[in-house]
Amino acid sequence: MNTTTTLTPAGVRHSRAALLAAVTGFFVITLDAVVVNVALRQISLDLGATITGLQWIVDGYTLLFASCLLSAGAFSDRVGARRAYAIGMTAFVVTSLGCGLAPTVTVLIVARILQGTAAAVMLPASMALIGEAFPDPAKRARAVGMWAMGGALASISGPVLGGLLSLVDWRLIFLINFPVGAGALLLLRRVPRSPQRPVPVDWAGQVTAITAMGALTYGAIEAGAAGITAPPTIVAFGLFVLAAAGFVVSQRRGAHPMVPLPLLGNRTLAVSTGIGFSYMVGYFGLPFVMSLYLQQERGLSPVETGAVFVPMMLAGAILTPFIAGLSQRCGARTLIAAGMGLMATGLTLIALLPAAAPVGVLAAEMILVGLAGPLVIPTITAVLLNSFDSQRAGTVSGIFNTSRQIGGALAVAVFGSLLARSTTFLQGFSTSLLIAAGLALAMAALATRLPRR
């Protein structure tokens, strides 16, 4: 049968609509993870948020996104990618309105938690929409590239867009999701209904995973606010241990575990998750502490703060198209080790800069961190996908991306605690970045254990 006969004008329109909806979804998911950093100072002044509140505004989103990501793929298969995307985007728009209209810090944190849950539902569904709309492997690869560029564009524009919107009102960084999300839902109406598969959901694993990650993050944040020996901190860490043990038991005994434990014994997966975790500690932790530093300590406006991040983001975007060729020429583990080494170098240089160093020098040194992104993430993802059969690809990708999000959430929790407990802001700032640099350096060495290509 000649499959080209299926490419009718209507089919082409449906494919384009699915791709645009998927790209839009990934764009807003990524944007809301990064855009809030530049607005933290304004949120603090307007709502009276403490450093603990600011940590939860960032981490509430990331934590639930990470916790629900493993089950979200099964949910998408069960109800169909089109319906799952519609549910996720609708919830994302509603919770974004909740963020933008929040009268208190507590309401904003709750809305961010729900927003992160909606983002987790939407992400795997957006990729599934592309898979359904582009059955041809070559066309699907190009579509996935455009989908990835949506996230890259959000990363690049996020700091500047957040600064510009904050000049008017910080609430606009959330309210802008309403027209964007509405447009994506209109596009979705032109996409055919997706097939459904009766995939079981591992409820025991999901509940214990959320409890363990939430307790660990809360304990890290509370350690900065009340101290490591404070009763709430001890209780939180104790709950983490119990929930983590419960998760392991549920994955060992469950009929349909989210994370089959034998997979974790695979060296490539273990090294990759460690690299993904450590990368996000630096890449997510740096904007959090740097945005506060530039505005609180250096007196920069939100727009000026966003502009400082532009060279870092642009450097990564410029390098991205050359990564495939470099990987073929140099080998995957060489690129990954080089990327983590650049990150470690950049974070160390920033941490050791004198307090009066020109802002331009900071922006230049942040470029080293920006270059790490395209060297590490696409390459390590390719290594993972090439190391497992297609039946394991979804699970392996879920484990890897969850480890990344946990790294970002813990970076904000721990670094915020260091800022709160240190004698001076600069001391906490430098200590945070040196911790991230140490992790990156360790992972640069560990990358030599990965397959060469």
Protein backbone atom coordinates (compact mmCIF):
# COMPACT_ATOMS: atom_id res chain seq x y z
CA MET A 1 0.00 0.00 0.00
CA ASN A 2 1.27 3.49 -0.83
CA THR A 3 1.16 5.41 2.45
CA THR A 4 1.65 8.74 0.70
CA THR A 5 -2.04 8.65 -0.27
CA THR A 6 -2.91 9.44 3.35
CA LEU A 7 -1.20 12.84 3.15
CA THR A 8 -4.31 14.75 2.11
CA PRO A 9 -4.56 18.54 2.55
CA ALA A 10 -6.78 17.93 5.59
CA GLY A 11 -4.21 15.52 7.00
CA VAL A 12 -1.45 18.06 6.54
CA ARG A 13 -3.52 20.68 8.37
CA HIS A 14 -4.19 18.25 11.21
CA SER A 15 -0.48 17.47 11.50
CA ARG A 16 0.45 21.14 11.56
CA ALA A 17 -2.20 21.85 14.19
CA ALA A 18 -0.90 19.00 16.36
CA LEU A 19 2.68 20.24 16.02
CA LEU A 20 1.79 23.85 16.84
CA ALA A 21 -0.22 22.75 19.86
CA ALA A 22 2.63 20.53 21.07
CA VAL A 23 5.25 23.27 20.59
CA THR A 24 3.03 25.80 22.39
CA GLY A 25 2.58 23.41 25.29
CA PHE A 26 6.30 22.79 25.71
CA PHE A 27 6.95 26.52 25.39
CA VAL A 28 4.65 27.52 28.27
CA ILE A 29 5.82 24.59 30.42
CA THR A 30 9.44 25.69 30.08
CA LEU A 31 8.63 29.40 30.30
CA ASP A 32 6.87 29.08 33.64
CA ALA A 33 9.83 27.19 35.06
CA VAL A 34 12.27 30.02 34.29
CA VAL A 35 10.31 33.27 33.95
CA VAL A 36 9.45 33.52 37.65
CA ASN A 37 13.07 33.92 38.80
CA VAL A 38 13.39 37.49 37.55
CA ALA A 39 10.10 38.46 39.22
CA LEU A 40 10.96 37.11 42.68
CA ARG A 41 12.06 40.49 44.02
CA GLN A 42 8.78 42.15 42.95
CA ILE A 43 6.71 39.27 44.36
CA SER A 44 8.55 39.60 47.66
CA LEU A 45 7.86 43.32 47.86
CA ASP A 46 4.23 43.04 46.82
CA LEU A 47 3.16 40.01 48.86
CA GLY A 48 5.70 40.21 51.67
CA ALA A 49 7.26 36.86 50.79
CA THR A 50 10.25 35.64 52.79
CA ILE A 51 13.09 33.64 51.25
CA THR A 52 11.19 30.49 52.28
CA GLY A 53 8.11 31.68 50.41
CA LEU A 54 10.15 32.48 47.33
CA GLN A 55 11.69 29.00 47.42
CA TRP A 56 8.23 27.42 47.41
CA ILE A 57 7.01 29.67 44.60
CA VAL A 58 9.76 28.19 42.42
CA ASP A 59 9.81 24.68 43.86
CA GLY A 60 6.05 24.16 44.11
CA TYR A 61 5.93 24.04 40.32
CA THR A 62 9.08 21.98 39.79
CA LEU A 63 8.37 19.48 42.56
CA LEU A 64 4.92 18.41 41.36
CA PHE A 65 6.10 18.45 37.76
CA ALA A 66 8.85 15.98 38.68
CA SER A 67 6.64 13.85 40.94
CA CYS A 68 3.83 13.35 38.45
CA LEU A 69 5.92 12.97 35.30
CA LEU A 70 6.34 9.20 35.58
CA SER A 71 2.59 8.55 35.85
CA ALA A 72 1.60 11.21 33.33
CA GLY A 73 2.71 9.08 30.40
CA ALA A 74 0.48 6.22 31.52
CA PHE A 75 -2.41 8.67 31.95
CA SER A 76 -1.87 9.98 28.41
CA ASP A 77 -1.99 6.44 27.01
CA ARG A 78 -5.10 5.59 29.03
CA VAL A 79 -7.28 8.56 28.00
CA GLY A 80 -5.58 9.39 24.69
CA ALA A 81 -2.95 12.03 23.98
CA ARG A 82 -5.43 14.58 22.61
CA ARG A 83 -7.70 14.41 25.65
CA ALA A 84 -4.76 14.34 28.09
CA TYR A 85 -3.28 17.43 26.45
CA ALA A 86 -6.64 19.21 26.61
CA ILE A 87 -7.03 18.36 30.29
CA GLY A 88 -3.47 19.43 31.07
CA MET A 89 -3.62 22.70 29.13
CA THR A 90 -7.02 23.65 30.54
CA ALA A 91 -5.77 23.02 34.08
CA PHE A 92 -2.57 24.92 33.27
CA VAL A 93 -4.53 27.99 32.09
CA VAL A 94 -6.84 27.93 35.12
CA THR A 95 -3.99 27.55 37.60
CA SER A 96 -2.02 30.28 35.80
CA LEU A 97 -4.97 32.60 36.39
CA GLY A 98 -4.86 31.51 40.02
CA CYS A 99 -1.17 32.47 40.16
CA GLY A 100 -1.76 35.82 38.51
CA LEU A 101 -4.67 36.74 40.78
CA ALA A 102 -3.21 35.31 44.01
CA PRO A 103 -3.82 37.71 46.93
CA THR A 104 -1.29 36.07 49.26
CA VAL A 105 1.93 34.07 49.11
CA THR A 106 0.12 30.94 50.30
CA VAL A 107 -2.44 31.10 47.49
CA LEU A 108 0.35 31.67 44.96
CA ILE A 109 2.28 28.64 46.22
CA VAL A 110 -0.82 26.40 46.05
CA ALA A 111 -1.58 27.62 42.53
CA ARG A 112 2.02 26.93 41.48
CA ILE A 113 1.80 23.38 42.86
CA LEU A 114 -1.35 22.74 40.84
CA GLN A 115 0.24 24.40 37.80
CA GLY A 116 3.18 21.99 38.00
CA THR A 117 0.78 19.04 38.12
CA ALA A 118 -0.96 20.31 34.98
CA ALA A 119 2.41 20.74 33.25
CA ALA A 120 3.30 17.11 34.02
CA VAL A 121 0.05 15.92 32.43
CA MET A 122 0.66 18.03 29.34
CA LEU A 123 4.31 17.21 28.58
CA PRO A 124 4.14 13.50 27.58
CA ALA A 125 0.84 14.15 25.81
CA SER A 126 2.49 16.83 23.66
CA MET A 127 5.17 14.38 22.52
CA ALA A 128 2.56 11.69 21.88
CA LEU A 129 0.62 14.11 19.67
CA ILE A 130 3.72 14.53 17.50
CA GLY A 131 4.21 10.77 17.28
CA GLU A 132 0.63 10.30 16.11
CA ALA A 133 0.68 13.19 13.64
CA PHE A 134 4.01 12.25 12.02
CA PRO A 135 4.29 8.49 11.49
CA ASP A 136 7.19 8.92 9.06
CA PRO A 137 10.46 8.76 11.08
CA ALA A 138 12.21 11.54 9.16
CA LYS A 139 9.28 13.95 9.44
CA ARG A 140 8.81 13.00 13.08
CA ALA A 141 12.47 13.80 13.79
CA ARG A 142 12.06 17.27 12.28
CA ALA A 143 8.85 17.78 14.26
CA VAL A 144 10.57 16.77 17.51
CA GLY A 145 13.34 19.24 16.68
CA MET A 146 10.78 22.03 16.36
CA TRP A 147 9.19 20.89 19.63
CA ALA A 148 12.58 21.10 21.35
CA MET A 149 13.15 24.56 19.89
CA GLY A 150 9.95 25.69 21.59
CA GLY A 151 11.54 24.89 24.95
CA ALA A 152 14.82 26.50 23.92
CA LEU A 153 13.03 29.68 22.84
CA ALA A 154 11.25 29.80 26.20
CA SER A 155 14.57 29.44 28.04
CA ILE A 156 16.14 32.24 26.01
CA SER A 157 13.21 34.66 26.18
CA GLY A 158 12.10 33.83 29.74
CA PRO A 159 14.43 36.13 31.71
CA VAL A 160 13.92 39.12 29.39
CA LEU A 161 10.17 38.56 29.07
CA GLY A 162 9.88 38.22 32.84
CA GLY A 163 11.78 41.45 33.33
CA LEU A 164 9.67 43.38 30.82
CA LEU A 165 6.36 42.13 32.19
CA SER A 166 7.48 42.79 35.76
CA LEU A 167 7.98 46.45 34.87
CA VAL A 168 4.20 46.65 34.47
CA ASP A 169 3.11 43.98 36.99
CA TRP A 170 4.69 40.67 37.96
CA ARG A 171 1.25 39.04 37.70
CA LEU A 172 1.42 39.33 33.92
CA ILE A 173 4.07 36.60 33.76
CA PHE A 174 1.27 34.17 34.70
CA LEU A 175 -1.71 35.88 33.07
CA ILE A 176 -0.02 35.74 29.66
CA ASN A 177 -0.63 31.99 29.71
CA PHE A 178 -4.37 32.55 29.26
CA PRO A 179 -4.33 33.76 25.61
CA VAL A 180 -1.46 31.41 24.72
CA GLY A 181 -3.24 28.40 26.22
CA ALA A 182 -6.55 29.36 24.66
CA GLY A 183 -4.86 29.46 21.26
CA ALA A 184 -3.37 25.99 21.80
CA LEU A 185 -6.79 24.57 22.73
CA LEU A 186 -8.31 26.05 19.57
CA LEU A 187 -5.58 24.35 17.53
CA LEU A 188 -6.34 21.08 19.31
CA ARG A 189 -9.89 21.11 17.94
CA ARG A 190 -8.40 20.43 14.49
CA VAL A 191 -6.50 17.35 15.72
CA PRO A 192 -8.15 13.92 15.34
CA ARG A 193 -9.04 11.96 18.46
CA SER A 194 -6.16 9.89 19.81
CA PRO A 195 -6.29 6.13 20.42
CA GLN A 196 -6.60 4.91 23.99
CA ARG A 197 -4.78 2.04 25.66
CA PRO A 198 -5.77 0.49 29.02
CA VAL A 199 -2.47 1.27 30.75
CA PRO A 200 -2.57 0.71 34.55
CA VAL A 201 -1.53 3.53 36.87
CA ASP A 202 0.81 2.76 39.77
CA TRP A 203 -1.07 4.69 42.46
CA ALA A 204 1.02 3.38 45.36
CA GLY A 205 4.21 4.42 43.61
CA GLN A 206 2.81 7.82 42.68
CA VAL A 207 1.61 8.66 46.20
CA THR A 208 4.85 7.56 47.87
CA ALA A 209 6.93 9.38 45.24
CA ILE A 210 5.10 12.69 45.79
CA THR A 211 5.33 12.25 49.56
CA ALA A 212 9.06 11.45 49.48
CA MET A 213 10.00 14.30 47.14
CA GLY A 214 7.77 16.79 48.94
CA ALA A 215 9.11 15.85 52.37
CA LEU A 216 12.72 16.06 51.22
CA THR A 217 12.19 19.48 49.65
CA TYR A 218 10.25 20.77 52.65
CA GLY A 219 12.96 19.53 54.99
CA ALA A 220 15.68 21.27 52.98
CA ILE A 221 13.73 24.55 52.94
CA GLU A 222 12.76 24.32 56.60
CA ALA A 223 16.39 23.64 57.54
CA GLY A 224 17.21 27.12 56.27
CA ALA A 225 14.26 28.77 57.98
CA ALA A 226 14.31 27.00 61.36
CA GLY A 227 17.53 25.00 61.50
CA ILE A 228 18.54 21.42 60.83
CA THR A 229 17.59 20.31 64.36
CA ALA A 230 14.18 21.99 64.42
CA PRO A 231 11.27 19.54 64.97
CA PRO A 232 9.59 20.32 61.59
CA THR A 233 12.86 19.63 59.79
CA ILE A 234 13.43 16.34 61.60
CA VAL A 235 9.83 15.24 60.97
CA ALA A 236 10.12 16.11 57.27
CA PHE A 237 13.32 14.12 56.80
CA GLY A 238 11.84 11.22 58.75
CA LEU A 239 8.77 11.23 56.52
CA PHE A 240 11.07 11.27 53.50
CA VAL A 241 12.84 8.11 54.69
CA LEU A 242 9.53 6.31 55.31
CA ALA A 243 8.01 7.38 52.00
CA ALA A 244 11.17 6.50 50.06
CA ALA A 245 11.16 3.04 51.65
CA GLY A 246 7.48 2.70 50.77
CA PHE A 247 8.24 3.65 47.19
CA VAL A 248 10.94 0.99 46.90
CA VAL A 249 8.59 -1.65 48.32
CA SER A 250 5.79 -0.60 45.95
CA GLN A 251 8.12 -0.82 42.95
CA ARG A 252 9.44 -4.21 44.02
CA ARG A 253 6.05 -5.80 44.69
CA GLY A 254 3.73 -3.89 42.38
CA ALA A 255 2.35 -5.53 39.25
CA HIS A 256 2.91 -2.41 37.13
CA PRO A 257 5.68 -0.34 38.76
CA MET A 258 6.56 3.13 37.48
CA VAL A 259 10.26 2.41 37.97
CA PRO A 260 11.22 -1.26 37.50
CA LEU A 261 14.04 -1.65 40.03
CA PRO A 262 16.26 -3.86 37.83
CA LEU A 263 16.60 -0.89 35.47
CA LEU A 264 18.34 1.13 38.16
CA GLY A 265 21.19 -1.37 38.15
CA ASN A 266 22.06 -0.40 34.59
CA ARG A 267 25.30 1.61 34.62
CA THR A 268 24.38 3.87 31.72
CA LEU A 269 21.05 4.82 33.30
CA ALA A 270 22.61 5.33 36.74
CA VAL A 271 25.37 7.59 35.40
CA SER A 272 22.93 9.47 33.16
CA THR A 273 20.50 10.22 35.98
CA GLY A 274 23.38 11.46 38.13
CA ILE A 275 24.53 13.76 35.34
CA GLY A 276 21.00 15.01 34.69
CA PHE A 277 20.49 15.70 38.40
CA SER A 278 23.79 17.55 38.80
CA TYR A 279 23.33 19.53 35.60
CA MET A 280 19.99 20.90 36.82
CA VAL A 281 21.44 21.77 40.22
CA GLY A 282 23.71 24.25 38.42
CA TYR A 283 21.42 25.30 35.58
CA PHE A 284 18.33 25.83 37.77
CA GLY A 285 20.08 26.96 40.94
CA LEU A 286 22.15 29.67 39.23
CA PRO A 287 19.19 31.79 37.98
CA PHE A 288 17.52 31.57 41.41
CA VAL A 289 20.46 32.94 43.40
CA MET A 290 21.73 35.20 40.61
CA SER A 291 18.36 36.95 40.12
CA LEU A 292 18.16 37.74 43.84
CA TYR A 293 21.80 38.82 43.92
CA LEU A 294 21.55 41.18 40.96
CA GLN A 295 18.42 42.89 42.28
CA GLN A 296 19.03 42.86 46.03
CA GLU A 297 22.79 43.34 46.16
CA ARG A 298 23.56 45.14 42.88
CA GLY A 299 20.35 47.17 42.56
CA LEU A 300 19.50 46.10 38.99
CA SER A 301 15.96 46.39 37.64
CA PRO A 302 14.06 43.27 36.46
CA VAL A 303 14.77 44.14 32.81
CA GLU A 304 18.48 44.68 33.49
CA THR A 305 18.57 41.40 35.40
CA GLY A 306 16.95 39.57 32.49
CA ALA A 307 19.45 41.11 30.08
CA VAL A 308 22.35 39.65 32.10
CA PHE A 309 21.06 36.15 31.28
CA VAL A 310 20.74 36.76 27.54
CA PRO A 311 24.39 35.95 26.57
CA MET A 312 24.21 32.68 28.52
CA MET A 313 21.00 31.60 26.79
CA LEU A 314 22.07 32.73 23.32
CA ALA A 315 25.38 30.89 23.56
CA GLY A 316 23.54 27.62 24.14
CA ALA A 317 21.11 28.30 21.28
CA ILE A 318 23.95 29.09 18.84
CA LEU A 319 25.84 25.91 19.73
CA THR A 320 22.81 23.59 19.54
CA PRO A 321 22.74 23.01 15.74
CA PHE A 322 26.34 21.77 15.77
CA ILE A 323 25.93 19.17 18.52
CA ALA A 324 25.02 16.20 16.30
CA GLY A 325 28.16 16.68 14.18
CA LEU A 326 30.37 17.21 17.22
CA SER A 327 29.00 14.06 18.81
CA GLN A 328 29.87 12.03 15.73
CA ARG A 329 33.35 13.52 15.58
CA CYS A 330 34.33 13.60 19.26
CA GLY A 331 32.15 10.97 20.89
CA ALA A 332 29.25 11.38 23.30
CA ARG A 333 31.09 11.01 26.57
CA THR A 334 33.71 13.56 25.52
CA LEU A 335 31.01 16.17 24.87
CA ILE A 336 29.22 15.40 28.13
CA ALA A 337 32.43 15.57 30.17
CA ALA A 338 33.37 18.83 28.44
CA GLY A 339 29.93 20.32 29.11
CA MET A 340 29.95 19.45 32.81
CA GLY A 341 33.55 20.73 33.02
CA LEU A 342 32.52 24.06 31.47
CA MET A 343 29.65 24.32 33.93
CA ALA A 344 31.95 23.63 36.88
CA THR A 345 34.43 26.24 35.63
CA GLY A 346 31.78 28.90 35.07
CA LEU A 347 30.11 28.39 38.46
CA THR A 348 33.49 28.47 40.24
CA LEU A 349 34.56 31.70 38.52
CA ILE A 350 31.26 33.39 39.38
CA ALA A 351 31.45 32.22 43.01
CA LEU A 352 34.97 33.59 43.44
CA LEU A 353 34.40 36.98 41.80
CA PRO A 354 34.83 39.98 44.10
CA ALA A 355 31.66 41.78 45.17
CA ALA A 356 32.48 44.84 43.05
CA ALA A 357 33.11 42.91 39.83
CA PRO A 358 31.44 44.47 36.76
CA VAL A 359 28.09 42.94 35.83
CA GLY A 360 29.43 42.39 32.31
CA VAL A 361 32.04 40.01 33.70
CA LEU A 362 29.29 38.02 35.42
CA ALA A 363 27.35 37.80 32.16
CA ALA A 364 30.46 36.62 30.31
CA GLU A 365 31.25 33.91 32.85
CA MET A 366 27.64 32.69 32.77
CA ILE A 367 28.18 31.87 29.09
CA LEU A 368 30.22 28.84 30.20
CA VAL A 369 27.14 27.51 32.00
CA GLY A 370 24.99 28.21 28.95
CA LEU A 371 27.32 26.21 26.69
CA ALA A 372 26.94 23.19 28.95
CA GLY A 373 23.25 22.77 28.05
CA PRO A 374 23.55 21.72 24.39
CA LEU A 375 26.72 19.73 25.09
CA VAL A 376 25.14 17.67 27.87
CA ILE A 377 21.35 17.27 27.56
CA PRO A 378 20.80 16.29 23.89
CA THR A 379 23.88 14.07 23.99
CA ILE A 380 23.01 12.23 27.18
CA THR A 381 19.43 11.78 25.94
CA ALA A 382 20.70 10.19 22.73
CA VAL A 383 23.00 7.89 24.73
CA LEU A 384 20.06 6.74 26.84
CA LEU A 385 17.71 6.13 23.93
CA ASN A 386 20.40 4.19 22.06
CA SER A 387 21.14 2.03 25.11
CA PHE A 388 17.61 0.64 25.58
CA ASP A 389 15.01 -0.94 23.31
CA SER A 390 11.94 1.04 22.30
CA GLN A 391 9.72 -0.69 24.88
CA ARG A 392 11.87 0.77 27.67
CA ALA A 393 12.38 4.20 26.11
CA GLY A 394 9.41 5.86 27.79
CA THR A 395 10.27 4.56 31.24
CA VAL A 396 13.96 5.39 30.90
CA SER A 397 13.18 8.91 29.67
CA GLY A 398 10.76 9.39 32.55
CA ILE A 399 13.36 8.35 35.12
CA PHE A 400 15.98 10.62 33.55
CA ASN A 401 13.71 13.67 33.34
CA THR A 402 12.42 13.12 36.86
CA SER A 403 16.00 13.10 38.19
CA ARG A 404 16.60 16.41 36.38
CA GLN A 405 13.55 18.07 37.90
CA ILE A 406 14.41 16.81 41.39
CA GLY A 407 17.88 18.33 40.95
CA GLY A 408 16.33 21.69 40.10
CA ALA A 409 13.89 21.57 43.02
CA LEU A 410 16.56 20.61 45.56
CA ALA A 411 18.93 23.27 44.23
CA VAL A 412 16.40 26.00 44.99
CA ALA A 413 15.59 24.45 48.38
CA VAL A 414 19.21 24.03 49.50
CA PHE A 415 20.56 27.25 47.99
CA GLY A 416 17.70 29.25 49.47
CA SER A 417 18.46 27.73 52.86
CA LEU A 418 22.12 28.69 52.50
CA LEU A 419 21.14 32.27 51.65
CA ALA A 420 18.89 32.40 54.70
CA ARG A 421 21.37 30.86 57.17
CA SER A 422 24.64 32.45 56.00
CA THR A 423 26.15 35.47 57.74
CA THR A 424 25.92 37.51 54.53
CA PHE A 425 24.07 37.07 51.25
CA LEU A 426 27.36 36.87 49.34
CA GLN A 427 28.57 34.04 51.54
CA GLY A 428 25.47 31.98 50.85
CA PHE A 429 25.65 32.91 47.16
CA SER A 430 29.26 31.74 46.80
CA THR A 431 28.75 28.57 48.84
CA SER A 432 25.73 27.58 46.74
CA LEU A 433 27.57 27.97 43.45
CA LEU A 434 30.65 26.12 44.72
CA ILE A 435 28.46 23.17 45.73
CA ALA A 436 26.95 23.11 42.25
CA ALA A 437 30.43 23.37 40.71
CA GLY A 438 31.67 20.43 42.79
CA LEU A 439 28.78 18.25 41.66
CA ALA A 440 29.35 19.22 38.02
CA LEU A 441 33.05 18.42 38.26
CA ALA A 442 32.33 15.03 39.80
CA MET A 443 29.90 14.22 36.99
CA ALA A 444 32.45 15.32 34.38
CA ALA A 445 34.72 12.59 35.72
CA LEU A 446 31.88 10.07 35.93
CA ALA A 447 30.93 10.71 32.29
CA THR A 448 33.94 8.62 31.27
CA ARG A 449 31.94 5.56 32.35
CA LEU A 450 29.39 6.16 29.59
CA PRO A 451 29.50 4.53 26.14
CA ARG A 452 31.81 6.42 23.80
CA ARG A 453 29.06 7.04 21.20
